[in-house]
């Protein structure tokens, strides 16, 4: 029950953080829909790669914190549910090329960022 509560608190925190990143990137970098979602997913996957590597090989972190941070915070921060809605909305505009480009770029660069995070963390530690 404790882990469920921690994941819930982490998820709420990650969702709030995602919203703040949306506001920040729109205001200071002029990101517009759907680039905020793309940025959050790629950045979140990079963080996931970094912290999975840290938690598995370098830091002795208890499972409760791992669930709080990885499943809760980063799970709430990244937005593949929002990504799916973005894809649907682009498709509904009959922008098929844009929709599939968005699909490819989102998935490819999110996975690439994850592996870069692992590689980068291994290289510096």
PDB file of N, CA and C in Angstrom:
ATOM      1  N   UNK A   1       0.821  -1.192   0.000  1.00  0.00           N
ATOM      2  CA  UNK A   1       0.000   0.000   0.000  1.00  0.00           C
ATOM      3  C   UNK A   1       0.867   1.259   0.000  1.00  0.00           C
ATOM      4  N   UNK A   2       1.986   1.192   0.697  1.00  0.00           N
ATOM      5  CA  UNK A   2       2.888   2.349   0.763  1.00  0.00           C
ATOM      6  C   UNK A   2       3.426   2.695  -0.631  1.00  0.00           C
ATOM      7  N   UNK A   3       3.820   1.669  -1.400  1.00  0.00           N
ATOM      8  CA  UNK A   3       4.362   1.909  -2.739  1.00  0.00           C
ATOM      9  C   UNK A   3       3.286   2.513  -3.639  1.00  0.00           C
ATOM     10  N   UNK A   4       2.052   2.056  -3.522  1.00  0.00           N
ATOM     11  CA  UNK A   4       0.962   2.624  -4.326  1.00  0.00           C
ATOM     12  C   UNK A   4       0.807   4.113  -4.014  1.00  0.00           C
ATOM     13  N   UNK A   5       0.864   4.468  -2.747  1.00  0.00           N
ATOM     14  CA  UNK A   5       0.775   5.871  -2.352  1.00  0.00           C
ATOM     15  C   UNK A   5       1.953   6.669  -2.908  1.00  0.00           C
ATOM     16  N   UNK A   6       3.153   6.121  -2.812  1.00  0.00           N
ATOM     17  CA  UNK A   6       4.343   6.810  -3.319  1.00  0.00           C
ATOM     18  C   UNK A   6       4.274   7.002  -4.837  1.00  0.00           C
ATOM     19  N   UNK A   7       3.822   5.983  -5.558  1.00  0.00           N
ATOM     20  CA  UNK A   7       3.672   6.100  -7.017  1.00  0.00           C
ATOM     21  C   UNK A   7       2.638   7.172  -7.341  1.00  0.00           C
ATOM     22  N   UNK A   8       1.550   7.207  -6.584  1.00  0.00           N
ATOM     23  CA  UNK A   8       0.515   8.225  -6.798  1.00  0.00           C
ATOM     24  C   UNK A   8       1.026   9.635  -6.565  1.00  0.00           C
ATOM     25  N   UNK A   9       1.753   9.840  -5.487  1.00  0.00           N
ATOM     26  CA  UNK A   9       2.338  11.162  -5.194  1.00  0.00           C
ATOM     27  C   UNK A   9       3.361  11.520  -6.274  1.00  0.00           C
ATOM     28  N   UNK A  10       4.178  10.544  -6.658  1.00  0.00           N
ATOM     29  CA  UNK A  10       5.159  10.782  -7.720  1.00  0.00           C
ATOM     30  C   UNK A  10       4.491  11.113  -9.043  1.00  0.00           C
ATOM     31  N   UNK A  11       3.420  10.386  -9.379  1.00  0.00           N
ATOM     32  CA  UNK A  11       2.697  10.633 -10.627  1.00  0.00           C
ATOM     33  C   UNK A  11       2.085  12.024 -10.661  1.00  0.00           C
ATOM     34  N   UNK A  12       1.512  12.439  -9.544  1.00  0.00           N
ATOM     35  CA  UNK A  12       0.952  13.796  -9.474  1.00  0.00           C
ATOM     36  C   UNK A  12       2.058  14.831  -9.637  1.00  0.00           C
ATOM     37  N   UNK A  13       3.183  14.588  -9.001  1.00  0.00           N
ATOM     38  CA  UNK A  13       4.321  15.516  -9.116  1.00  0.00           C
ATOM     39  C   UNK A  13       4.828  15.586 -10.550  1.00  0.00           C
ATOM     40  N   UNK A  14       4.934  14.440 -11.190  1.00  0.00           N
ATOM     41  CA  UNK A  14       5.390  14.402 -12.582  1.00  0.00           C
ATOM     42  C   UNK A  14       4.431  15.109 -13.522  1.00  0.00           C
ATOM     43  N   UNK A  15       3.147  14.960 -13.283  1.00  0.00           N
ATOM     44  CA  UNK A  15       2.152  15.634 -14.118  1.00  0.00           C
ATOM     45  C   UNK A  15       2.219  17.143 -13.957  1.00  0.00           C
ATOM     46  N   UNK A  16       2.392  17.596 -12.730  1.00  0.00           N
ATOM     47  CA  UNK A  16       2.542  19.036 -12.482  1.00  0.00           C
ATOM     48  C   UNK A  16       3.810  19.546 -13.149  1.00  0.00           C
ATOM     49  N   UNK A  17       4.888  18.790 -13.025  1.00  0.00           N
ATOM     50  CA  UNK A  17       6.145  19.168 -13.664  1.00  0.00           C
ATOM     51  C   UNK A  17       5.992  19.243 -15.178  1.00  0.00           C
ATOM     52  N   UNK A  18       5.263  18.279 -15.763  1.00  0.00           N
ATOM     53  CA  UNK A  18       5.017  18.299 -17.206  1.00  0.00           C
ATOM     54  C   UNK A  18       4.288  19.579 -17.597  1.00  0.00           C
ATOM     55  N   UNK A  19       3.274  19.950 -16.847  1.00  0.00           N
ATOM     56  CA  UNK A  19       2.518  21.168 -17.134  1.00  0.00           C
ATOM     57  C   UNK A  19       3.417  22.401 -17.052  1.00  0.00           C
ATOM     58  N   UNK A  20       4.282  22.444 -16.048  1.00  0.00           N
ATOM     59  CA  UNK A  20       5.202  23.582 -15.902  1.00  0.00           C
ATOM     60  C   UNK A  20       6.187  23.647 -17.071  1.00  0.00           C
ATOM     61  N   UNK A  21       6.645  22.499 -17.535  1.00  0.00           N
ATOM     62  CA  UNK A  21       7.536  22.463 -18.700  1.00  0.00           C
ATOM     63  C   UNK A  21       6.791  22.963 -19.936  1.00  0.00           C
ATOM     64  N   UNK A  22       5.527  22.581 -20.088  1.00  0.00           N
ATOM     65  CA  UNK A  22       4.719  23.070 -21.214  1.00  0.00           C
ATOM     66  C   UNK A  22       4.661  24.601 -21.193  1.00  0.00           C
ATOM     67  N   UNK A  23       4.382  25.163 -20.031  1.00  0.00           N
ATOM     68  CA  UNK A  23       4.296  26.628 -19.901  1.00  0.00           C
ATOM     69  C   UNK A  23       5.651  27.264 -20.199  1.00  0.00           C
ATOM     70  N   UNK A  24       6.712  26.728 -19.610  1.00  0.00           N
ATOM     71  CA  UNK A  24       8.058  27.276 -19.773  1.00  0.00           C
ATOM     72  C   UNK A  24       8.508  27.226 -21.229  1.00  0.00           C
ATOM     73  N   UNK A  25       8.311  26.068 -21.882  1.00  0.00           N
ATOM     74  CA  UNK A  25       8.771  25.948 -23.270  1.00  0.00           C
ATOM     75  C   UNK A  25       7.947  26.811 -24.219  1.00  0.00           C
ATOM     76  N   UNK A  26       6.685  27.002 -23.921  1.00  0.00           N
ATOM     77  CA  UNK A  26       5.857  27.882 -24.755  1.00  0.00           C
ATOM     78  C   UNK A  26       6.277  29.335 -24.582  1.00  0.00           C
ATOM     79  N   UNK A  27       6.532  29.728 -23.353  1.00  0.00           N
ATOM     80  CA  UNK A  27       6.855  31.122 -23.065  1.00  0.00           C
ATOM     81  C   UNK A  27       8.261  31.514 -23.525  1.00  0.00           C
ATOM     82  N   UNK A  28       9.244  30.649 -23.267  1.00  0.00           N
ATOM     83  CA  UNK A  28      10.636  31.038 -23.511  1.00  0.00           C
ATOM     84  C   UNK A  28      11.238  30.470 -24.793  1.00  0.00           C
ATOM     85  N   UNK A  29      10.693  29.378 -25.292  1.00  0.00           N
ATOM     86  CA  UNK A  29      11.230  28.774 -26.510  1.00  0.00           C
ATOM     87  C   UNK A  29      10.212  28.765 -27.645  1.00  0.00           C
ATOM     88  N   UNK A  30       9.035  29.271 -27.366  1.00  0.00           N
ATOM     89  CA  UNK A  30       7.958  29.385 -28.357  1.00  0.00           C
ATOM     90  C   UNK A  30       7.551  28.033 -28.932  1.00  0.00           C
ATOM     91  N   UNK A  31       7.680  26.984 -28.111  1.00  0.00           N
ATOM     92  CA  UNK A  31       7.199  25.677 -28.544  1.00  0.00           C
ATOM     93  C   UNK A  31       5.679  25.739 -28.660  1.00  0.00           C
ATOM     94  N   UNK A  32       5.165  25.093 -29.666  1.00  0.00           N
ATOM     95  CA  UNK A  32       3.718  25.002 -29.840  1.00  0.00           C
ATOM     96  C   UNK A  32       3.346  23.530 -29.963  1.00  0.00           C
ATOM     97  N   UNK A  33       2.072  23.293 -29.826  1.00  0.00           N
ATOM     98  CA  UNK A  33       1.533  21.948 -29.949  1.00  0.00           C
ATOM     99  C   UNK A  33       1.937  21.352 -31.285  1.00  0.00           C
ATOM    100  N   UNK A  34       2.424  20.127 -31.363  1.00  0.00           N
ATOM    101  CA  UNK A  34       2.633  19.115 -30.335  1.00  0.00           C
ATOM    102  C   UNK A  34       4.086  19.032 -29.853  1.00  0.00           C
ATOM    103  N   UNK A  35       4.878  20.066 -30.082  1.00  0.00           N
ATOM    104  CA  UNK A  35       6.304  19.997 -29.748  1.00  0.00           C
ATOM    105  C   UNK A  35       6.568  19.943 -28.246  1.00  0.00           C
ATOM    106  N   UNK A  36       5.659  20.459 -27.440  1.00  0.00           N
ATOM    107  CA  UNK A  36       5.841  20.346 -25.989  1.00  0.00           C
ATOM    108  C   UNK A  36       5.782  18.873 -25.570  1.00  0.00           C
ATOM    109  N   UNK A  37       4.834  18.145 -26.118  1.00  0.00           N
ATOM    110  CA  UNK A  37       4.716  16.720 -25.807  1.00  0.00           C
ATOM    111  C   UNK A  37       5.935  15.963 -26.303  1.00  0.00           C
ATOM    112  N   UNK A  38       6.373  16.258 -27.508  1.00  0.00           N
ATOM    113  CA  UNK A  38       7.555  15.623 -28.070  1.00  0.00           C
ATOM    114  C   UNK A  38       8.771  15.872 -27.178  1.00  0.00           C
ATOM    115  N   UNK A  39       8.974  17.128 -26.764  1.00  0.00           N
ATOM    116  CA  UNK A  39      10.095  17.478 -25.903  1.00  0.00           C
ATOM    117  C   UNK A  39      10.032  16.719 -24.579  1.00  0.00           C
ATOM    118  N   UNK A  40       8.866  16.719 -23.948  1.00  0.00           N
ATOM    119  CA  UNK A  40       8.715  16.052 -22.649  1.00  0.00           C
ATOM    120  C   UNK A  40       8.992  14.557 -22.774  1.00  0.00           C
ATOM    121  N   UNK A  41       8.479  13.924 -23.831  1.00  0.00           N
ATOM    122  CA  UNK A  41       8.702  12.485 -23.987  1.00  0.00           C
ATOM    123  C   UNK A  41      10.174  12.160 -24.203  1.00  0.00           C
ATOM    124  N   UNK A  42      10.845  12.912 -25.045  1.00  0.00           N
ATOM    125  CA  UNK A  42      12.266  12.641 -25.307  1.00  0.00           C
ATOM    126  C   UNK A  42      13.095  12.930 -24.065  1.00  0.00           C
ATOM    127  N   UNK A  43      12.857  14.078 -23.429  1.00  0.00           N
ATOM    128  CA  UNK A  43      13.608  14.428 -22.226  1.00  0.00           C
ATOM    129  C   UNK A  43      13.328  13.442 -21.092  1.00  0.00           C
ATOM    130  N   UNK A  44      12.071  13.056 -20.944  1.00  0.00           N
ATOM    131  CA  UNK A  44      11.714  12.085 -19.910  1.00  0.00           C
ATOM    132  C   UNK A  44      12.371  10.739 -20.132  1.00  0.00           C
ATOM    133  N   UNK A  45      12.459  10.312 -21.389  1.00  0.00           N
ATOM    134  CA  UNK A  45      13.137   9.046 -21.690  1.00  0.00           C
ATOM    135  C   UNK A  45      14.634   9.145 -21.430  1.00  0.00           C
ATOM    136  N   UNK A  46      15.218  10.296 -21.718  1.00  0.00           N
ATOM    137  CA  UNK A  46      16.631  10.510 -21.384  1.00  0.00           C
ATOM    138  C   UNK A  46      16.834  10.374 -19.879  1.00  0.00           C
ATOM    139  N   UNK A  47      15.989  11.045 -19.096  1.00  0.00           N
ATOM    140  CA  UNK A  47      16.085  10.950 -17.631  1.00  0.00           C
ATOM    141  C   UNK A  47      15.872   9.519 -17.154  1.00  0.00           C
ATOM    142  N   UNK A  48      14.925   8.812 -17.766  1.00  0.00           N
ATOM    143  CA  UNK A  48      14.666   7.425 -17.384  1.00  0.00           C
ATOM    144  C   UNK A  48      15.913   6.573 -17.612  1.00  0.00           C
ATOM    145  N   UNK A  49      16.568   6.749 -18.737  1.00  0.00           N
ATOM    146  CA  UNK A  49      17.791   6.000 -19.014  1.00  0.00           C
ATOM    147  C   UNK A  49      18.887   6.309 -18.018  1.00  0.00           C
ATOM    148  N   UNK A  50      19.082   7.583 -17.725  1.00  0.00           N
ATOM    149  CA  UNK A  50      20.110   7.996 -16.763  1.00  0.00           C
ATOM    150  C   UNK A  50      19.845   7.376 -15.399  1.00  0.00           C
ATOM    151  N   UNK A  51      18.617   7.514 -14.906  1.00  0.00           N
ATOM    152  CA  UNK A  51      18.337   7.075 -13.543  1.00  0.00           C
ATOM    153  C   UNK A  51      18.221   5.565 -13.411  1.00  0.00           C
ATOM    154  N   UNK A  52      17.764   4.874 -14.448  1.00  0.00           N
ATOM    155  CA  UNK A  52      17.776   3.412 -14.371  1.00  0.00           C
ATOM    156  C   UNK A  52      19.207   2.915 -14.254  1.00  0.00           C
ATOM    157  N   UNK A  53      20.088   3.490 -15.043  1.00  0.00           N
ATOM    158  CA  UNK A  53      21.494   3.080 -14.965  1.00  0.00           C
ATOM    159  C   UNK A  53      22.088   3.423 -13.597  1.00  0.00           C
ATOM    160  N   UNK A  54      21.823   4.621 -13.116  1.00  0.00           N
ATOM    161  CA  UNK A  54      22.325   5.005 -11.790  1.00  0.00           C
ATOM    162  C   UNK A  54      21.800   4.081 -10.701  1.00  0.00           C
ATOM    163  N   UNK A  55      20.510   3.823 -10.719  1.00  0.00           N
ATOM    164  CA  UNK A  55      19.897   3.007  -9.672  1.00  0.00           C
ATOM    165  C   UNK A  55      20.340   1.557  -9.752  1.00  0.00           C
ATOM    166  N   UNK A  56      20.602   1.060 -10.955  1.00  0.00           N
ATOM    167  CA  UNK A  56      20.985  -0.347 -11.100  1.00  0.00           C
ATOM    168  C   UNK A  56      22.460  -0.602 -10.875  1.00  0.00           C
ATOM    169  N   UNK A  57      23.305   0.411 -11.117  1.00  0.00           N
ATOM    170  CA  UNK A  57      24.732   0.100 -11.057  1.00  0.00           C
ATOM    171  C   UNK A  57      25.537   0.957 -10.099  1.00  0.00           C
ATOM    172  N   UNK A  58      25.113   2.153  -9.806  1.00  0.00           N
ATOM    173  CA  UNK A  58      25.975   3.057  -9.036  1.00  0.00           C
ATOM    174  C   UNK A  58      25.417   3.448  -7.672  1.00  0.00           C
ATOM    175  N   UNK A  59      24.119   3.564  -7.565  1.00  0.00           N
ATOM    176  CA  UNK A  59      23.516   4.031  -6.323  1.00  0.00           C
ATOM    177  C   UNK A  59      22.730   2.910  -5.655  1.00  0.00           C
ATOM    178  N   UNK A  60      22.856   2.821  -4.357  1.00  0.00           N
ATOM    179  CA  UNK A  60      22.096   1.839  -3.606  1.00  0.00           C
ATOM    180  C   UNK A  60      20.802   2.504  -3.136  1.00  0.00           C
ATOM    181  N   UNK A  61      19.781   2.456  -3.970  1.00  0.00           N
ATOM    182  CA  UNK A  61      18.505   3.114  -3.712  1.00  0.00           C
ATOM    183  C   UNK A  61      17.458   2.053  -3.389  1.00  0.00           C
ATOM    184  N   UNK A  62      16.646   2.324  -2.373  1.00  0.00           N
ATOM    185  CA  UNK A  62      15.612   1.344  -2.029  1.00  0.00           C
ATOM    186  C   UNK A  62      14.505   1.329  -3.080  1.00  0.00           C
ATOM    187  N   UNK A  63      13.795   0.205  -3.121  1.00  0.00           N
ATOM    188  CA  UNK A  63      12.749   0.017  -4.129  1.00  0.00           C
ATOM    189  C   UNK A  63      11.628   1.032  -4.012  1.00  0.00           C
ATOM    190  N   UNK A  64      11.324   1.489  -2.814  1.00  0.00           N
ATOM    191  CA  UNK A  64      10.254   2.470  -2.650  1.00  0.00           C
ATOM    192  C   UNK A  64      10.572   3.753  -3.406  1.00  0.00           C
ATOM    193  N   UNK A  65      11.812   4.225  -3.297  1.00  0.00           N
ATOM    194  CA  UNK A  65      12.189   5.440  -4.014  1.00  0.00           C
ATOM    195  C   UNK A  65      12.223   5.196  -5.521  1.00  0.00           C
ATOM    196  N   UNK A  66      12.697   4.027  -5.932  1.00  0.00           N
ATOM    197  CA  UNK A  66      12.705   3.698  -7.366  1.00  0.00           C
ATOM    198  C   UNK A  66      11.292   3.764  -7.935  1.00  0.00           C
ATOM    199  N   UNK A  67      10.340   3.167  -7.255  1.00  0.00           N
ATOM    200  CA  UNK A  67       8.957   3.212  -7.730  1.00  0.00           C
ATOM    201  C   UNK A  67       8.415   4.632  -7.720  1.00  0.00           C
ATOM    202  N   UNK A  68       8.693   5.370  -6.648  1.00  0.00           N
ATOM    203  CA  UNK A  68       8.246   6.758  -6.570  1.00  0.00           C
ATOM    204  C   UNK A  68       8.762   7.566  -7.752  1.00  0.00           C
ATOM    205  N   UNK A  69      10.061   7.461  -8.009  1.00  0.00           N
ATOM    206  CA  UNK A  69      10.673   8.313  -9.028  1.00  0.00           C
ATOM    207  C   UNK A  69      10.460   7.804 -10.444  1.00  0.00           C
ATOM    208  N   UNK A  70      10.766   6.539 -10.701  1.00  0.00           N
ATOM    209  CA  UNK A  70      10.698   6.012 -12.068  1.00  0.00           C
ATOM    210  C   UNK A  70       9.261   5.816 -12.538  1.00  0.00           C
ATOM    211  N   UNK A  71       8.462   5.117 -11.743  1.00  0.00           N
ATOM    212  CA  UNK A  71       7.081   4.846 -12.144  1.00  0.00           C
ATOM    213  C   UNK A  71       6.203   6.071 -11.900  1.00  0.00           C
ATOM    214  N   UNK A  72       6.381   6.711 -10.746  1.00  0.00           N
ATOM    215  CA  UNK A  72       5.553   7.853 -10.394  1.00  0.00           C
ATOM    216  C   UNK A  72       5.929   9.134 -11.109  1.00  0.00           C
ATOM    217  N   UNK A  73       7.068   9.716 -10.719  1.00  0.00           N
ATOM    218  CA  UNK A  73       7.448  11.031 -11.253  1.00  0.00           C
ATOM    219  C   UNK A  73       7.662  10.975 -12.767  1.00  0.00           C
ATOM    220  N   UNK A  74       8.543  10.098 -13.225  1.00  0.00           N
ATOM    221  CA  UNK A  74       8.821  10.064 -14.667  1.00  0.00           C
ATOM    222  C   UNK A  74       7.647   9.492 -15.455  1.00  0.00           C
ATOM    223  N   UNK A  75       6.898   8.561 -14.862  1.00  0.00           N
ATOM    224  CA  UNK A  75       5.706   8.053 -15.526  1.00  0.00           C
ATOM    225  C   UNK A  75       4.640   9.131 -15.690  1.00  0.00           C
ATOM    226  N   UNK A  76       4.507   9.994 -14.682  1.00  0.00           N
ATOM    227  CA  UNK A  76       3.570  11.110 -14.783  1.00  0.00           C
ATOM    228  C   UNK A  76       4.087  12.223 -15.672  1.00  0.00           C
ATOM    229  N   UNK A  77       5.394  12.343 -15.753  1.00  0.00           N
ATOM    230  CA  UNK A  77       6.010  13.407 -16.549  1.00  0.00           C
ATOM    231  C   UNK A  77       5.911  13.121 -18.044  1.00  0.00           C
ATOM    232  N   UNK A  78       6.262  11.903 -18.448  1.00  0.00           N
ATOM    233  CA  UNK A  78       6.174  11.566 -19.869  1.00  0.00           C
ATOM    234  C   UNK A  78       4.715  11.316 -20.225  1.00  0.00           C
ATOM    235  N   UNK A  79       4.394  11.483 -21.475  1.00  0.00           N
ATOM    236  CA  UNK A  79       2.980  11.591 -21.833  1.00  0.00           C
ATOM    237  C   UNK A  79       2.614  10.816 -23.085  1.00  0.00           C
ATOM    238  N   UNK A  80       2.835   9.541 -23.091  1.00  0.00           N
ATOM    239  CA  UNK A  80       2.462   8.827 -24.298  1.00  0.00           C
ATOM    240  C   UNK A  80       0.949   8.743 -24.471  1.00  0.00           C
ATOM    241  N   UNK A  81       0.207   8.990 -23.412  1.00  0.00           N
ATOM    242  CA  UNK A  81      -1.241   9.114 -23.617  1.00  0.00           C
ATOM    243  C   UNK A  81      -1.542  10.417 -24.351  1.00  0.00           C
ATOM    244  N   UNK A  82      -0.878  11.488 -23.978  1.00  0.00           N
ATOM    245  CA  UNK A  82      -1.039  12.756 -24.697  1.00  0.00           C
ATOM    246  C   UNK A  82      -0.491  12.620 -26.115  1.00  0.00           C
ATOM    247  N   UNK A  83       0.579  11.877 -26.263  1.00  0.00           N
ATOM    248  CA  UNK A  83       1.140  11.614 -27.586  1.00  0.00           C
ATOM    249  C   UNK A  83       0.106  10.947 -28.485  1.00  0.00           C
ATOM    250  N   UNK A  84      -0.593   9.970 -27.944  1.00  0.00           N
ATOM    251  CA  UNK A  84      -1.617   9.268 -28.730  1.00  0.00           C
ATOM    252  C   UNK A  84      -2.730  10.222 -29.145  1.00  0.00           C
ATOM    253  N   UNK A  85      -3.132  11.088 -28.228  1.00  0.00           N
ATOM    254  CA  UNK A  85      -4.165  12.078 -28.565  1.00  0.00           C
ATOM    255  C   UNK A  85      -3.651  13.048 -29.620  1.00  0.00           C
ATOM    256  N   UNK A  86      -2.397  13.452 -29.513  1.00  0.00           N
ATOM    257  CA  UNK A  86      -1.806  14.346 -30.518  1.00  0.00           C
ATOM    258  C   UNK A  86      -1.835  13.685 -31.895  1.00  0.00           C
ATOM    259  N   UNK A  87      -1.427  12.429 -31.953  1.00  0.00           N
ATOM    260  CA  UNK A  87      -1.417  11.698 -33.211  1.00  0.00           C
ATOM    261  C   UNK A  87      -2.828  11.628 -33.799  1.00  0.00           C
ATOM    262  N   UNK A  88      -3.788  11.299 -32.963  1.00  0.00           N
ATOM    263  CA  UNK A  88      -5.181  11.228 -33.399  1.00  0.00           C
ATOM    264  C   UNK A  88      -5.651  12.572 -33.954  1.00  0.00           C
ATOM    265  N   UNK A  89      -5.344  13.650 -33.262  1.00  0.00           N
ATOM    266  CA  UNK A  89      -5.775  14.987 -33.701  1.00  0.00           C
ATOM    267  C   UNK A  89      -5.134  15.381 -35.027  1.00  0.00           C
ATOM    268  N   UNK A  90      -3.880  15.045 -35.211  1.00  0.00           N
ATOM    269  CA  UNK A  90      -3.208  15.352 -36.478  1.00  0.00           C
ATOM    270  C   UNK A  90      -3.830  14.523 -37.606  1.00  0.00           C
ATOM    271  N   UNK A  91      -4.117  13.263 -37.324  1.00  0.00           N
ATOM    272  CA  UNK A  91      -4.754  12.403 -38.322  1.00  0.00           C
ATOM    273  C   UNK A  91      -6.138  12.945 -38.692  1.00  0.00           C
ATOM    274  N   UNK A  92      -6.854  13.439 -37.716  1.00  0.00           N
ATOM    275  CA  UNK A  92      -8.194  13.975 -37.978  1.00  0.00           C
ATOM    276  C   UNK A  92      -8.170  15.208 -38.869  1.00  0.00           C
ATOM    277  N   UNK A  93      -7.025  15.857 -38.961  1.00  0.00           N
ATOM    278  CA  UNK A  93      -6.882  16.996 -39.873  1.00  0.00           C
ATOM    279  C   UNK A  93      -6.469  16.523 -41.267  1.00  0.00           C
ATOM    280  N   UNK A  94      -6.456  15.196 -41.457  1.00  0.00           N
ATOM    281  CA  UNK A  94      -6.025  14.583 -42.722  1.00  0.00           C
ATOM    282  C   UNK A  94      -4.587  14.934 -43.069  1.00  0.00           C
ATOM    283  N   UNK A  95      -3.787  15.158 -42.061  1.00  0.00           N
ATOM    284  CA  UNK A  95      -2.357  15.439 -42.245  1.00  0.00           C
ATOM    285  C   UNK A  95      -1.588  14.147 -42.010  1.00  0.00           C
ATOM    286  N   UNK A  96      -1.737  13.205 -42.912  1.00  0.00           N
ATOM    287  CA  UNK A  96      -1.193  11.871 -42.705  1.00  0.00           C
ATOM    288  C   UNK A  96       0.330  11.856 -42.661  1.00  0.00           C
ATOM    289  N   UNK A  97       0.963  12.588 -43.552  1.00  0.00           N
ATOM    290  CA  UNK A  97       2.422  12.636 -43.537  1.00  0.00           C
ATOM    291  C   UNK A  97       2.921  13.242 -42.232  1.00  0.00           C
ATOM    292  N   UNK A  98       2.337  14.356 -41.811  1.00  0.00           N
ATOM    293  CA  UNK A  98       2.723  14.994 -40.552  1.00  0.00           C
ATOM    294  C   UNK A  98       2.483  14.055 -39.370  1.00  0.00           C
ATOM    295  N   UNK A  99       1.368  13.335 -39.378  1.00  0.00           N
ATOM    296  CA  UNK A  99       1.042  12.413 -38.284  1.00  0.00           C
ATOM    297  C   UNK A  99       2.072  11.295 -38.178  1.00  0.00           C
ATOM    298  N   UNK A 100       2.424  10.688 -39.311  1.00  0.00           N
ATOM    299  CA  UNK A 100       3.379   9.580 -39.257  1.00  0.00           C
ATOM    300  C   UNK A 100       4.808  10.061 -39.019  1.00  0.00           C
ATOM    301  N   UNK A 101       5.117  11.251 -39.452  1.00  0.00           N
ATOM    302  CA  UNK A 101       6.411  11.840 -39.117  1.00  0.00           C
ATOM    303  C   UNK A 101       6.496  12.079 -37.611  1.00  0.00           C
ATOM    304  N   UNK A 102       5.420  12.608 -37.048  1.00  0.00           N
ATOM    305  CA  UNK A 102       5.348  12.829 -35.599  1.00  0.00           C
ATOM    306  C   UNK A 102       5.484  11.500 -34.845  1.00  0.00           C
ATOM    307  N   UNK A 103       4.823  10.471 -35.331  1.00  0.00           N
ATOM    308  CA  UNK A 103       4.915   9.143 -34.730  1.00  0.00           C
ATOM    309  C   UNK A 103       6.358   8.638 -34.747  1.00  0.00           C
ATOM    310  N   UNK A 104       6.980   8.678 -35.913  1.00  0.00           N
ATOM    311  CA  UNK A 104       8.347   8.195 -36.054  1.00  0.00           C
ATOM    312  C   UNK A 104       9.320   8.983 -35.183  1.00  0.00           C
ATOM    313  N   UNK A 105       9.271  10.310 -35.280  1.00  0.00           N
ATOM    314  CA  UNK A 105      10.204  11.154 -34.526  1.00  0.00           C
ATOM    315  C   UNK A 105      10.023  10.943 -33.024  1.00  0.00           C
ATOM    316  N   UNK A 106       8.790  10.871 -32.560  1.00  0.00           N
ATOM    317  CA  UNK A 106       8.518  10.683 -31.131  1.00  0.00           C
ATOM    318  C   UNK A 106       9.096   9.377 -30.616  1.00  0.00           C
ATOM    319  N   UNK A 107       8.784   8.301 -31.299  1.00  0.00           N
ATOM    320  CA  UNK A 107       9.225   6.991 -30.833  1.00  0.00           C
ATOM    321  C   UNK A 107      10.736   6.830 -31.001  1.00  0.00           C
ATOM    322  N   UNK A 108      11.254   7.149 -32.173  1.00  0.00           N
ATOM    323  CA  UNK A 108      12.680   6.957 -32.442  1.00  0.00           C
ATOM    324  C   UNK A 108      13.544   7.771 -31.478  1.00  0.00           C
ATOM    325  N   UNK A 109      13.257   9.062 -31.354  1.00  0.00           N
ATOM    326  CA  UNK A 109      14.113   9.909 -30.528  1.00  0.00           C
ATOM    327  C   UNK A 109      13.909   9.673 -29.036  1.00  0.00           C
ATOM    328  N   UNK A 110      12.737   9.220 -28.626  1.00  0.00           N
ATOM    329  CA  UNK A 110      12.542   8.865 -27.219  1.00  0.00           C
ATOM    330  C   UNK A 110      13.382   7.648 -26.856  1.00  0.00           C
ATOM    331  N   UNK A 111      13.366   6.629 -27.716  1.00  0.00           N
ATOM    332  CA  UNK A 111      14.174   5.434 -27.459  1.00  0.00           C
ATOM    333  C   UNK A 111      15.656   5.763 -27.557  1.00  0.00           C
ATOM    334  N   UNK A 112      16.034   6.566 -28.551  1.00  0.00           N
ATOM    335  CA  UNK A 112      17.432   6.983 -28.682  1.00  0.00           C
ATOM    336  C   UNK A 112      17.887   7.738 -27.428  1.00  0.00           C
ATOM    337  N   UNK A 113      17.058   8.657 -26.934  1.00  0.00           N
ATOM    338  CA  UNK A 113      17.405   9.414 -25.729  1.00  0.00           C
ATOM    339  C   UNK A 113      17.579   8.491 -24.526  1.00  0.00           C
ATOM    340  N   UNK A 114      16.744   7.465 -24.422  1.00  0.00           N
ATOM    341  CA  UNK A 114      16.861   6.490 -23.338  1.00  0.00           C
ATOM    342  C   UNK A 114      18.240   5.823 -23.366  1.00  0.00           C
ATOM    343  N   UNK A 115      18.651   5.343 -24.539  1.00  0.00           N
ATOM    344  CA  UNK A 115      19.941   4.664 -24.650  1.00  0.00           C
ATOM    345  C   UNK A 115      21.108   5.636 -24.470  1.00  0.00           C
ATOM    346  N   UNK A 116      20.958   6.858 -24.934  1.00  0.00           N
ATOM    347  CA  UNK A 116      21.994   7.869 -24.701  1.00  0.00           C
ATOM    348  C   UNK A 116      22.147   8.114 -23.208  1.00  0.00           C
ATOM    349  N   UNK A 117      21.022   8.177 -22.509  1.00  0.00           N
ATOM    350  CA  UNK A 117      21.075   8.354 -21.054  1.00  0.00           C
ATOM    351  C   UNK A 117      21.847   7.245 -20.365  1.00  0.00           C
ATOM    352  N   UNK A 118      21.601   5.999 -20.762  1.00  0.00           N
ATOM    353  CA  UNK A 118      22.336   4.868 -20.182  1.00  0.00           C
ATOM    354  C   UNK A 118      23.814   4.964 -20.546  1.00  0.00           C
ATOM    355  N   UNK A 119      24.112   5.177 -21.813  1.00  0.00           N
ATOM    356  CA  UNK A 119      25.505   5.251 -22.279  1.00  0.00           C
ATOM    357  C   UNK A 119      26.248   6.396 -21.588  1.00  0.00           C
ATOM    358  N   UNK A 120      25.636   7.571 -21.556  1.00  0.00           N
ATOM    359  CA  UNK A 120      26.256   8.749 -20.957  1.00  0.00           C
ATOM    360  C   UNK A 120      26.570   8.500 -19.478  1.00  0.00           C
ATOM    361  N   UNK A 121      25.626   7.888 -18.789  1.00  0.00           N
ATOM    362  CA  UNK A 121      25.815   7.626 -17.353  1.00  0.00           C
ATOM    363  C   UNK A 121      26.925   6.614 -17.130  1.00  0.00           C
ATOM    364  N   UNK A 122      26.969   5.570 -17.948  1.00  0.00           N
ATOM    365  CA  UNK A 122      28.050   4.587 -17.826  1.00  0.00           C
ATOM    366  C   UNK A 122      29.398   5.220 -18.127  1.00  0.00           C
ATOM    367  N   UNK A 123      29.447   6.112 -19.103  1.00  0.00           N
ATOM    368  CA  UNK A 123      30.704   6.722 -19.523  1.00  0.00           C
ATOM    369  C   UNK A 123      31.304   7.643 -18.475  1.00  0.00           C
ATOM    370  N   UNK A 124      30.442   8.358 -17.744  1.00  0.00           N
ATOM    371  CA  UNK A 124      30.993   9.328 -16.784  1.00  0.00           C
ATOM    372  C   UNK A 124      31.163   8.755 -15.382  1.00  0.00           C
ATOM    373  N   UNK A 125      30.601   7.575 -15.124  1.00  0.00           N
ATOM    374  CA  UNK A 125      30.744   7.018 -13.774  1.00  0.00           C
ATOM    375  C   UNK A 125      31.639   5.832 -13.712  1.00  0.00           C
TER     376      UNK A 125
END
